[in-house]
């Protein structure tokens, strides 16, 4: 079986047009930038003539860039269409990767179509589609979200087991045929093999499942903790505010990476401290939901009592399942759930990293929530709620919190990116998750040892990490831009 080329037969057909259009597009981008900076310089000088001339140049250059840019997109779409109708051996590496991600493309098209169609009803989220930067960031983020979903739940995208080693595939270049392939095996290592003869493409895809599972959920839990403590600290003030602010400042006095490093070191893990921290942090969502529902329906006990009962029973069961795991070296104090009711266990390495992210993020989120509360607690709508006789928790959760959601959503997106980088950093240093884990940080660490000879094992997860963090930052920029217009 022959090795795959990068672009296969579709690349042979569209190669030269693609190179020419790309060169023209890059040239037009350079001209656009020159025109833009010329307009800035003219604005500083203040001369109407040069300024108008430069602005006209910039406008013409931007218009000129749109044509090759659009043509470039059409060529990429044409390549994808050609790849779909080609036999697997003629698609090339890029074409086969495109086909493997087929479920992701379909899901993205459906989400974009629904979101654009109903954007007027989606509030701040719908306004993302009025921002080009926001749309690009959103597309990059949901690409990895759907990749993690389809690979983690259905195992549709990966071509090989991310942990299996195939003899003769060590450090093989992208497109190398699989040695000893049997019926049902994917015939190639699309992005080559690493130094343990594992498929780089499959490890990159499975690594997204770990990152997408831990980073957003851990950031969300950090937000629950920060909001639950930050709202009363800012609203009530006094000794409560002083005490909680002191604790937050005490934690923030340590460098983030140092805290991360200390929490995931084997010596700290063996003491059981992360397990006890999990028992504390995981109860905050239960407290938050209970207070939220009670404050909203406290005058309607017929509705409030059943809702709170369901939350306490189901949430308490989920809490006990999360923190109970007798197989851990140091079980928590709440390992009281019978084995028949303990339907799932959080792996020790994942739990440690998860708690580290929550612990590091919570103080910063607390300070943000406290500052926002201090800023808006004297607004007219808060005074009106107080005049109506609403309870303090109702005012905090149903008046203040919804009105500060814009900055919180923007910060949430950025903080997921920070958590992703921290996860990559821990994996790079071999901390937290098991060494064989396909998370991007561990994969980069494994590939860097032979980086001067073989680029693909380290570059592939690096680009994946880069694209996700970049998408989150672009999405946050788009959200910030639209929230300022409200």
Protein backbone atom coordinates (compact mmCIF):
# COMPACT_ATOMS: atom_id res chain seq x y z
CA UNK A 1 0.00 0.00 0.00
CA UNK A 2 1.35 3.39 -1.02
CA UNK A 3 1.85 6.26 1.47
CA UNK A 4 -0.63 9.10 1.26
CA UNK A 5 0.33 12.51 -0.06
CA UNK A 6 -0.95 15.56 1.75
CA UNK A 7 -3.64 16.59 -0.74
CA UNK A 8 -4.03 13.58 -3.06
CA UNK A 9 -5.82 13.78 -6.38
CA UNK A 10 -7.97 16.83 -5.48
CA UNK A 11 -4.76 18.68 -4.64
CA UNK A 12 -3.30 17.81 -8.03
CA UNK A 13 -6.39 19.27 -9.70
CA UNK A 14 -6.66 22.45 -7.62
CA UNK A 15 -3.03 22.91 -6.59
CA UNK A 16 -1.84 25.72 -8.83
CA UNK A 17 -5.06 27.77 -8.69
CA UNK A 18 -4.93 27.47 -4.91
CA UNK A 19 -1.32 28.68 -4.69
CA UNK A 20 -1.99 31.64 -7.02
CA UNK A 21 -5.16 32.74 -5.20
CA UNK A 22 -3.43 32.38 -1.83
CA UNK A 23 -0.53 34.57 -2.98
CA UNK A 24 -2.92 37.24 -4.30
CA UNK A 25 -4.94 37.10 -1.08
CA UNK A 26 -1.85 37.55 1.12
CA UNK A 27 -0.67 40.43 -1.06
CA UNK A 28 -4.04 42.13 -0.77
CA UNK A 29 -3.98 41.67 3.01
CA UNK A 30 -0.58 43.38 3.16
CA UNK A 31 -1.89 46.25 1.04
CA UNK A 32 -4.94 46.52 3.31
CA UNK A 33 -2.74 46.76 6.39
CA UNK A 34 -0.55 49.39 4.74
CA UNK A 35 -3.65 51.37 3.84
CA UNK A 36 -5.02 51.05 7.36
CA UNK A 37 -1.83 52.21 9.04
CA UNK A 38 -1.53 54.98 6.46
CA UNK A 39 -5.02 56.13 7.48
CA UNK A 40 -4.00 56.06 11.14
CA UNK A 41 -0.89 58.11 10.38
CA UNK A 42 -2.94 60.63 8.37
CA UNK A 43 -5.43 60.91 11.22
CA UNK A 44 -2.60 61.70 13.60
CA UNK A 45 -1.20 64.35 11.27
CA UNK A 46 -4.69 65.77 10.81
CA UNK A 47 -4.42 66.64 7.13
CA UNK A 48 -7.70 66.02 5.33
CA UNK A 49 -6.15 65.38 1.96
CA UNK A 50 -3.70 62.58 2.92
CA UNK A 51 -6.24 61.14 5.33
CA UNK A 52 -8.95 60.91 2.69
CA UNK A 53 -6.50 59.48 0.19
CA UNK A 54 -5.24 56.90 2.65
CA UNK A 55 -8.76 55.92 3.71
CA UNK A 56 -9.70 55.50 0.06
CA UNK A 57 -6.62 53.31 -0.44
CA UNK A 58 -7.53 51.22 2.60
CA UNK A 59 -11.15 50.81 1.43
CA UNK A 60 -10.07 49.77 -2.06
CA UNK A 61 -7.50 47.34 -0.64
CA UNK A 62 -10.08 45.74 1.68
CA UNK A 63 -12.52 45.43 -1.24
CA UNK A 64 -9.70 43.94 -3.33
CA UNK A 65 -8.96 41.39 -0.57
CA UNK A 66 -12.55 40.18 -0.51
CA UNK A 67 -12.46 38.73 -3.99
CA UNK A 68 -9.40 36.45 -3.60
CA UNK A 69 -10.56 35.66 -0.05
CA UNK A 70 -13.92 34.49 -1.32
CA UNK A 71 -12.27 32.59 -4.14
CA UNK A 72 -9.95 30.93 -1.64
CA UNK A 73 -12.92 29.75 0.41
CA UNK A 74 -14.58 28.40 -2.75
CA UNK A 75 -11.41 26.48 -3.65
CA UNK A 76 -11.28 24.93 -0.18
CA UNK A 77 -14.94 23.92 -0.51
CA UNK A 78 -14.25 22.49 -3.95
CA UNK A 79 -11.36 20.47 -2.53
CA UNK A 80 -13.62 19.10 0.22
CA UNK A 81 -16.29 18.13 -2.30
CA UNK A 82 -13.73 16.39 -4.50
CA UNK A 83 -12.34 14.56 -1.48
CA UNK A 84 -15.79 13.19 -0.69
CA UNK A 85 -16.15 11.50 -4.09
CA UNK A 86 -12.60 10.17 -4.32
CA UNK A 87 -11.58 6.66 -3.23
CA UNK A 88 -9.93 6.61 0.19
CA UNK A 89 -6.45 6.05 -1.26
CA UNK A 90 -6.77 9.12 -3.54
CA UNK A 91 -8.08 11.66 -1.01
CA UNK A 92 -4.73 12.46 0.53
CA UNK A 93 -4.09 13.11 4.20
CA UNK A 94 -6.09 16.36 4.31
CA UNK A 95 -9.02 14.82 2.44
CA UNK A 96 -9.20 11.79 4.72
CA UNK A 97 -9.00 13.99 7.81
CA UNK A 98 -11.87 16.08 6.41
CA UNK A 99 -13.96 12.94 5.89
CA UNK A 100 -13.17 11.65 9.39
CA UNK A 101 -14.51 14.88 10.83
CA UNK A 102 -17.73 14.50 8.80
CA UNK A 103 -20.10 14.27 11.84
CA UNK A 104 -18.52 17.43 13.24
CA UNK A 105 -19.11 19.40 10.03
CA UNK A 106 -22.75 18.27 9.90
CA UNK A 107 -23.34 19.21 13.53
CA UNK A 108 -21.69 22.61 13.03
CA UNK A 109 -23.85 23.37 9.99
CA UNK A 110 -27.00 22.46 11.93
CA UNK A 111 -26.00 24.61 14.93
CA UNK A 112 -25.11 27.60 12.76
CA UNK A 113 -28.34 27.31 10.78
CA UNK A 114 -30.48 27.12 13.92
CA UNK A 115 -28.54 29.86 15.71
CA UNK A 116 -28.72 32.29 12.80
CA UNK A 117 -32.37 31.50 12.22
CA UNK A 118 -33.30 32.16 15.86
CA UNK A 119 -30.62 34.68 16.79
CA UNK A 120 -33.20 37.34 17.65
CA UNK A 121 -34.44 35.09 20.48
CA UNK A 122 -31.03 34.09 21.82
CA UNK A 123 -30.05 37.35 23.50
CA UNK A 124 -26.32 38.00 23.79
CA UNK A 125 -25.50 34.65 22.21
CA UNK A 126 -27.49 35.52 19.11
CA UNK A 127 -25.63 38.81 18.75
CA UNK A 128 -22.40 36.88 18.24
CA UNK A 129 -23.50 36.32 14.66
CA UNK A 130 -23.38 40.06 14.05
CA UNK A 131 -19.64 39.94 14.75
CA UNK A 132 -17.24 38.29 12.30
CA UNK A 133 -14.67 37.76 15.04
CA UNK A 134 -17.28 36.22 17.31
CA UNK A 135 -18.52 33.86 14.59
CA UNK A 136 -15.00 32.66 13.82
CA UNK A 137 -14.29 32.08 17.50
CA UNK A 138 -17.62 30.31 17.99
CA UNK A 139 -16.92 28.04 15.02
CA UNK A 140 -13.47 27.10 16.36
CA UNK A 141 -14.86 26.35 19.80
CA UNK A 142 -17.82 24.23 18.73
CA UNK A 143 -15.56 22.34 16.33
CA UNK A 144 -13.62 20.99 19.30
CA UNK A 145 -16.76 20.58 21.39
CA UNK A 146 -18.35 18.33 18.76
CA UNK A 147 -15.04 16.56 18.18
CA UNK A 148 -14.87 15.73 21.88
CA UNK A 149 -18.53 14.65 21.89
CA UNK A 150 -18.41 12.35 18.87
CA UNK A 151 -15.05 10.83 19.78
CA UNK A 152 -15.82 10.42 23.47
CA UNK A 153 -19.39 9.14 23.22
CA UNK A 154 -19.61 7.39 19.85
CA UNK A 155 -15.94 6.82 18.95
CA UNK A 156 -16.70 7.98 15.40
CA UNK A 157 -13.73 10.16 14.47
CA UNK A 158 -10.65 8.32 15.68
CA UNK A 159 -8.98 5.88 13.31
CA UNK A 160 -7.12 3.79 15.90
CA UNK A 161 -6.99 3.19 19.63
CA UNK A 162 -5.07 6.11 21.09
CA UNK A 163 -3.20 3.82 23.50
CA UNK A 164 -2.43 0.89 21.19
CA UNK A 165 1.11 0.45 19.87
CA UNK A 166 1.72 -1.01 16.43
CA UNK A 167 5.04 -2.63 15.69
CA UNK A 168 6.97 -0.82 12.99
CA UNK A 169 5.02 2.47 13.29
CA UNK A 170 7.35 4.25 15.69
CA UNK A 171 7.95 7.88 14.61
CA UNK A 172 6.48 7.25 11.17
CA UNK A 173 5.68 10.31 9.07
CA UNK A 174 2.08 11.37 8.25
CA UNK A 175 0.34 9.17 5.71
CA UNK A 176 2.38 6.04 6.45
CA UNK A 177 0.50 2.78 5.72
CA UNK A 178 -0.31 0.69 8.78
CA UNK A 179 2.01 -2.30 9.01
CA UNK A 180 0.21 -5.60 9.40
CA UNK A 181 -3.20 -4.02 8.85
CA UNK A 182 -6.05 -6.48 9.13
CA UNK A 183 -9.58 -6.29 7.81
CA UNK A 184 -11.44 -3.53 9.59
CA UNK A 185 -8.31 -1.57 10.49
CA UNK A 186 -7.85 1.94 9.15
CA UNK A 187 -5.07 1.58 6.53
CA UNK A 188 -2.93 4.60 7.51
CA UNK A 189 -1.60 6.68 10.34
CA UNK A 190 -2.97 9.96 8.99
CA UNK A 191 -0.72 12.20 11.07
CA UNK A 192 2.03 9.68 11.69
CA UNK A 193 3.14 7.78 14.77
CA UNK A 194 4.80 8.96 17.97
CA UNK A 195 7.86 7.54 19.70
CA UNK A 196 5.73 4.75 21.19
CA UNK A 197 4.19 3.83 17.81
CA UNK A 198 0.77 5.29 18.68
CA UNK A 199 -1.45 7.12 16.19
CA UNK A 200 -0.93 10.88 16.56
CA UNK A 201 -4.25 11.76 14.91
CA UNK A 202 -6.30 9.55 17.25
CA UNK A 203 -4.44 10.85 20.30
CA UNK A 204 -5.09 14.42 19.22
CA UNK A 205 -8.82 13.70 18.80
CA UNK A 206 -9.15 11.82 22.09
CA UNK A 207 -7.16 14.52 23.83
CA UNK A 208 -9.91 16.99 22.97
CA UNK A 209 -12.36 14.90 25.00
CA UNK A 210 -10.22 15.27 28.11
CA UNK A 211 -9.69 19.01 27.63
CA UNK A 212 -13.32 19.79 26.75
CA UNK A 213 -14.54 17.71 29.70
CA UNK A 214 -12.29 19.19 32.36
CA UNK A 215 -11.70 22.84 31.41
CA UNK A 216 -15.31 24.09 30.96
CA UNK A 217 -16.76 22.03 33.82
CA UNK A 218 -14.00 23.00 36.24
CA UNK A 219 -14.39 26.65 35.23
CA UNK A 220 -18.16 26.37 35.71
CA UNK A 221 -17.70 24.95 39.20
CA UNK A 222 -15.25 27.74 39.93
CA UNK A 223 -17.93 30.21 38.86
CA UNK A 224 -20.53 28.59 41.10
CA UNK A 225 -18.17 28.86 44.07
CA UNK A 226 -17.13 32.43 43.20
CA UNK A 227 -20.69 33.65 42.59
CA UNK A 228 -22.11 31.97 45.70
CA UNK A 229 -19.52 33.69 47.88
CA UNK A 230 -19.05 36.92 45.91
CA UNK A 231 -22.71 37.97 45.84
CA UNK A 232 -23.25 38.10 49.63
CA UNK A 233 -19.77 39.57 50.20
CA UNK A 234 -20.52 42.49 47.89
CA UNK A 235 -24.15 42.93 48.91
CA UNK A 236 -23.88 42.65 52.68
CA UNK A 237 -20.31 43.90 53.14
CA UNK A 238 -19.08 44.12 56.71
CA UNK A 239 -17.20 41.31 58.43
CA UNK A 240 -18.36 38.70 55.92
CA UNK A 241 -16.85 40.71 53.08
CA UNK A 242 -13.65 41.30 55.04
CA UNK A 243 -13.22 37.63 55.90
CA UNK A 244 -13.96 36.25 52.43
CA UNK A 245 -11.83 38.92 50.74
CA UNK A 246 -8.94 38.06 53.06
CA UNK A 247 -9.17 34.37 52.10
CA UNK A 248 -9.34 35.22 48.40
CA UNK A 249 -6.36 37.58 48.62
CA UNK A 250 -4.43 34.97 50.59
CA UNK A 251 -4.88 32.41 47.80
CA UNK A 252 -4.17 34.97 45.07
CA UNK A 253 -0.90 35.90 46.79
CA UNK A 254 0.57 32.64 45.46
CA UNK A 255 1.50 32.30 41.77
CA UNK A 256 -1.15 30.32 39.90
CA UNK A 257 1.24 27.80 38.41
CA UNK A 258 2.80 27.21 41.85
CA UNK A 259 -0.60 26.47 43.37
CA UNK A 260 -1.37 24.15 40.49
CA UNK A 261 1.94 22.39 40.89
CA UNK A 262 1.51 21.94 44.65
CA UNK A 263 -2.04 20.57 44.41
CA UNK A 264 -1.20 17.86 41.87
CA UNK A 265 2.13 16.66 43.21
CA UNK A 266 2.04 13.02 44.39
CA UNK A 267 2.93 13.98 47.96
CA UNK A 268 -0.10 16.26 48.27
CA UNK A 269 -2.37 13.75 46.53
CA UNK A 270 -1.36 11.01 48.99
CA UNK A 271 -2.46 13.16 51.92
CA UNK A 272 -6.02 13.13 50.56
CA UNK A 273 -6.27 16.94 50.52
CA UNK A 274 -7.71 17.10 46.95
CA UNK A 275 -10.40 14.58 47.93
CA UNK A 276 -11.44 16.64 50.95
CA UNK A 277 -11.44 19.79 48.80
CA UNK A 278 -13.70 17.98 46.32
CA UNK A 279 -16.14 17.18 49.12
CA UNK A 280 -16.35 20.92 49.86
CA UNK A 281 -16.40 22.35 46.33
CA UNK A 282 -18.89 19.87 44.87
CA UNK A 283 -21.55 20.81 47.39
CA UNK A 284 -21.65 24.44 46.20
CA UNK A 285 -23.89 23.75 43.13
CA UNK A 286 -26.37 22.02 45.42
CA UNK A 287 -26.39 25.01 47.78
CA UNK A 288 -26.66 27.46 44.87
CA UNK A 289 -29.63 25.70 43.25
CA UNK A 290 -31.45 25.31 46.57
CA UNK A 291 -31.07 28.99 47.46
CA UNK A 292 -31.95 30.01 43.89
CA UNK A 293 -35.24 28.11 43.88
CA UNK A 294 -36.14 29.04 47.45
CA UNK A 295 -35.60 32.75 46.79
CA UNK A 296 -37.71 32.61 43.63
CA UNK A 297 -40.65 30.56 44.94
CA UNK A 298 -40.57 31.29 48.67
CA UNK A 299 -44.10 32.71 48.44
CA UNK A 300 -45.33 29.65 46.52
CA UNK A 301 -44.63 26.69 48.83
CA UNK A 302 -46.66 24.32 46.64
CA UNK A 303 -44.08 24.82 43.88
CA UNK A 304 -41.01 25.50 46.00
CA UNK A 305 -41.12 22.40 48.20
CA UNK A 306 -41.30 19.76 45.42
CA UNK A 307 -38.63 21.54 43.39
CA UNK A 308 -36.23 21.78 46.31
CA UNK A 309 -36.95 18.17 47.26
CA UNK A 310 -36.04 17.00 43.74
CA UNK A 311 -32.89 19.12 43.74
CA UNK A 312 -31.79 17.89 47.16
CA UNK A 313 -32.47 14.22 46.43
CA UNK A 314 -31.04 14.05 42.90
CA UNK A 315 -28.31 16.60 43.56
CA UNK A 316 -27.33 14.90 46.80
CA UNK A 317 -27.17 11.53 45.07
CA UNK A 318 -25.05 12.96 42.27
CA UNK A 319 -22.82 14.66 44.86
CA UNK A 320 -22.26 11.42 46.75
CA UNK A 321 -21.53 9.53 43.53
CA UNK A 322 -18.99 12.17 42.56
CA UNK A 323 -17.06 12.24 45.83
CA UNK A 324 -17.43 8.56 46.77
CA UNK A 325 -14.72 6.27 45.51
CA UNK A 326 -13.35 3.71 47.92
CA UNK A 327 -10.67 2.70 45.41
CA UNK A 328 -8.79 5.95 45.93
CA UNK A 329 -5.74 5.81 48.21
CA UNK A 330 -7.32 8.44 50.49
CA UNK A 331 -11.15 8.26 50.37
CA UNK A 332 -13.11 11.30 51.53
CA UNK A 333 -15.16 11.56 54.68
CA UNK A 334 -18.38 11.18 52.66
CA UNK A 335 -17.68 7.73 51.20
CA UNK A 336 -20.97 6.44 52.61
CA UNK A 337 -22.82 5.60 49.38
CA UNK A 338 -23.47 1.86 48.90
CA UNK A 339 -21.74 0.35 45.89
CA UNK A 340 -25.09 -0.51 44.28
CA UNK A 341 -25.98 3.20 44.15
CA UNK A 342 -22.54 4.46 43.14
CA UNK A 343 -22.99 4.37 39.38
CA UNK A 344 -19.80 6.15 38.37
CA UNK A 345 -16.45 7.17 39.78
CA UNK A 346 -14.25 10.10 38.87
CA UNK A 347 -10.69 8.87 38.16
CA UNK A 348 -8.21 10.08 40.74
CA UNK A 349 -6.00 11.95 38.27
CA UNK A 350 -8.95 13.75 36.68
CA UNK A 351 -10.37 14.66 40.09
CA UNK A 352 -7.07 16.18 41.25
CA UNK A 353 -6.70 18.34 38.13
CA UNK A 354 -10.37 19.31 38.26
CA UNK A 355 -10.15 20.46 41.88
CA UNK A 356 -6.92 22.33 41.16
CA UNK A 357 -8.65 24.34 38.40
CA UNK A 358 -11.64 25.11 40.64
CA UNK A 359 -9.44 26.16 43.56
CA UNK A 360 -7.24 28.42 41.46
CA UNK A 361 -10.13 30.11 39.62
CA UNK A 362 -12.57 30.60 42.52
CA UNK A 363 -10.81 33.55 44.25
CA UNK A 364 -10.53 35.57 41.04
CA UNK A 365 -14.18 34.92 40.17
CA UNK A 366 -15.14 35.86 43.73
CA UNK A 367 -13.41 39.22 43.35
CA UNK A 368 -15.06 39.86 39.97
CA UNK A 369 -18.52 39.00 41.33
CA UNK A 370 -17.96 41.07 44.46
CA UNK A 371 -16.86 44.09 42.41
CA UNK A 372 -19.84 43.82 40.07
CA UNK A 373 -22.21 43.54 43.02
CA UNK A 374 -20.71 46.61 44.69
CA UNK A 375 -21.15 48.48 41.41
CA UNK A 376 -24.84 47.70 40.84
CA UNK A 377 -26.31 47.17 44.31
CA UNK A 378 -27.30 50.83 44.53
CA UNK A 379 -28.99 50.93 41.11
CA UNK A 380 -32.64 51.88 40.80
CA UNK A 381 -33.89 48.37 40.00
CA UNK A 382 -32.24 47.06 43.19
CA UNK A 383 -33.84 49.84 45.23
CA UNK A 384 -37.19 49.04 43.63
CA UNK A 385 -36.85 45.38 44.61
CA UNK A 386 -35.97 46.37 48.16
CA UNK A 387 -39.00 48.64 48.26
CA UNK A 388 -41.21 45.73 47.16
CA UNK A 389 -39.94 43.80 50.17
CA UNK A 390 -37.95 41.19 48.27
CA UNK A 391 -35.50 39.07 50.24
CA UNK A 392 -31.76 39.78 49.94
CA UNK A 393 -31.08 36.48 48.17
CA UNK A 394 -33.86 37.17 45.67
CA UNK A 395 -32.31 40.55 44.91
CA UNK A 396 -28.85 39.04 44.55
CA UNK A 397 -29.83 36.07 42.38
CA UNK A 398 -32.74 37.47 40.36
CA UNK A 399 -31.95 41.18 40.11
CA UNK A 400 -28.19 41.68 40.38
CA UNK A 401 -26.86 38.47 38.79
CA UNK A 402 -28.87 38.66 35.52
CA UNK A 403 -27.82 42.29 35.04
CA UNK A 404 -24.10 41.54 35.27
CA UNK A 405 -24.15 38.45 33.08
CA UNK A 406 -22.33 40.15 30.18
CA UNK A 407 -18.94 40.59 31.90
CA UNK A 408 -19.30 37.18 33.54
CA UNK A 409 -19.93 35.40 30.22
CA UNK A 410 -16.96 37.13 28.60
CA UNK A 411 -14.70 36.25 31.52
CA UNK A 412 -16.04 32.68 31.49
CA UNK A 413 -14.88 32.17 27.90
CA UNK A 414 -11.47 33.64 28.64
CA UNK A 415 -11.11 31.58 31.80
CA UNK A 416 -11.82 28.34 29.93
CA UNK A 417 -8.87 29.25 27.72
CA UNK A 418 -6.70 29.84 30.78
CA UNK A 419 -7.79 26.50 32.21
CA UNK A 420 -6.95 24.80 28.92
CA UNK A 421 -3.46 26.30 29.00
CA UNK A 422 -3.02 25.23 32.62
CA UNK A 423 -4.09 21.68 31.76
CA UNK A 424 -1.59 21.65 28.91
CA UNK A 425 1.11 22.96 31.25
CA UNK A 426 0.42 20.24 33.82
CA UNK A 427 0.42 17.56 31.14
CA UNK A 428 3.64 18.94 29.72
CA UNK A 429 5.30 18.56 33.13
CA UNK A 430 3.79 15.10 33.58
CA UNK A 431 1.60 16.07 36.54
CA UNK A 432 -2.00 15.28 37.36
CA UNK A 433 -3.20 12.99 34.58
CA UNK A 434 -1.63 9.54 33.94
CA UNK A 435 1.49 9.54 31.69
CA UNK A 436 -0.28 7.55 28.94
CA UNK A 437 -3.14 10.06 28.80
CA UNK A 438 -3.74 11.47 25.30
CA UNK A 439 -4.35 14.99 26.65
CA UNK A 440 -2.58 17.59 24.58
CA UNK A 441 -0.07 18.65 27.22
CA UNK A 442 1.15 15.09 27.79
CA UNK A 443 1.29 14.47 24.04
CA UNK A 444 3.35 17.63 23.47
CA UNK A 445 5.71 16.56 26.26
CA UNK A 446 6.13 13.14 24.67
CA UNK A 447 6.74 14.57 21.20
CA UNK A 448 9.16 17.33 22.22
CA UNK A 449 11.91 14.85 23.04
CA UNK A 450 12.50 14.21 19.34
CA UNK A 451 11.29 17.58 18.09
CA UNK A 452 14.47 18.30 16.12
CA UNK A 453 13.94 15.13 14.08
CA UNK A 454 10.18 14.48 14.03
CA UNK A 455 7.85 17.49 14.16
CA UNK A 456 4.44 15.90 13.82
CA UNK A 457 4.02 14.28 17.30
CA UNK A 458 4.43 17.64 19.07
CA UNK A 459 3.15 20.07 16.44
CA UNK A 460 -0.24 18.35 16.01
CA UNK A 461 -1.45 18.71 19.64
CA UNK A 462 0.20 22.15 19.84
CA UNK A 463 -1.91 23.40 16.93
CA UNK A 464 -5.01 21.83 18.47
CA UNK A 465 -4.36 23.61 21.77
CA UNK A 466 -3.62 26.85 19.93
CA UNK A 467 -6.82 26.71 17.90
CA UNK A 468 -9.06 26.05 20.91
CA UNK A 469 -7.55 28.84 23.03
CA UNK A 470 -7.60 31.23 20.06
CA UNK A 471 -11.25 30.38 19.41
CA UNK A 472 -12.16 31.05 23.03
CA UNK A 473 -10.38 34.40 22.95
CA UNK A 474 -12.06 35.42 19.69
CA UNK A 475 -15.43 34.34 21.08
CA UNK A 476 -14.81 36.41 24.21
CA UNK A 477 -13.85 39.41 22.06
CA UNK A 478 -17.04 39.04 20.04
CA UNK A 479 -19.14 38.76 23.20
CA UNK A 480 -17.43 41.80 24.72
CA UNK A 481 -18.02 43.80 21.56
CA UNK A 482 -21.71 42.95 21.51
CA UNK A 483 -22.25 43.35 25.26
CA UNK A 484 -20.93 46.92 25.08
CA UNK A 485 -23.68 47.73 22.62
CA UNK A 486 -26.43 46.76 25.06
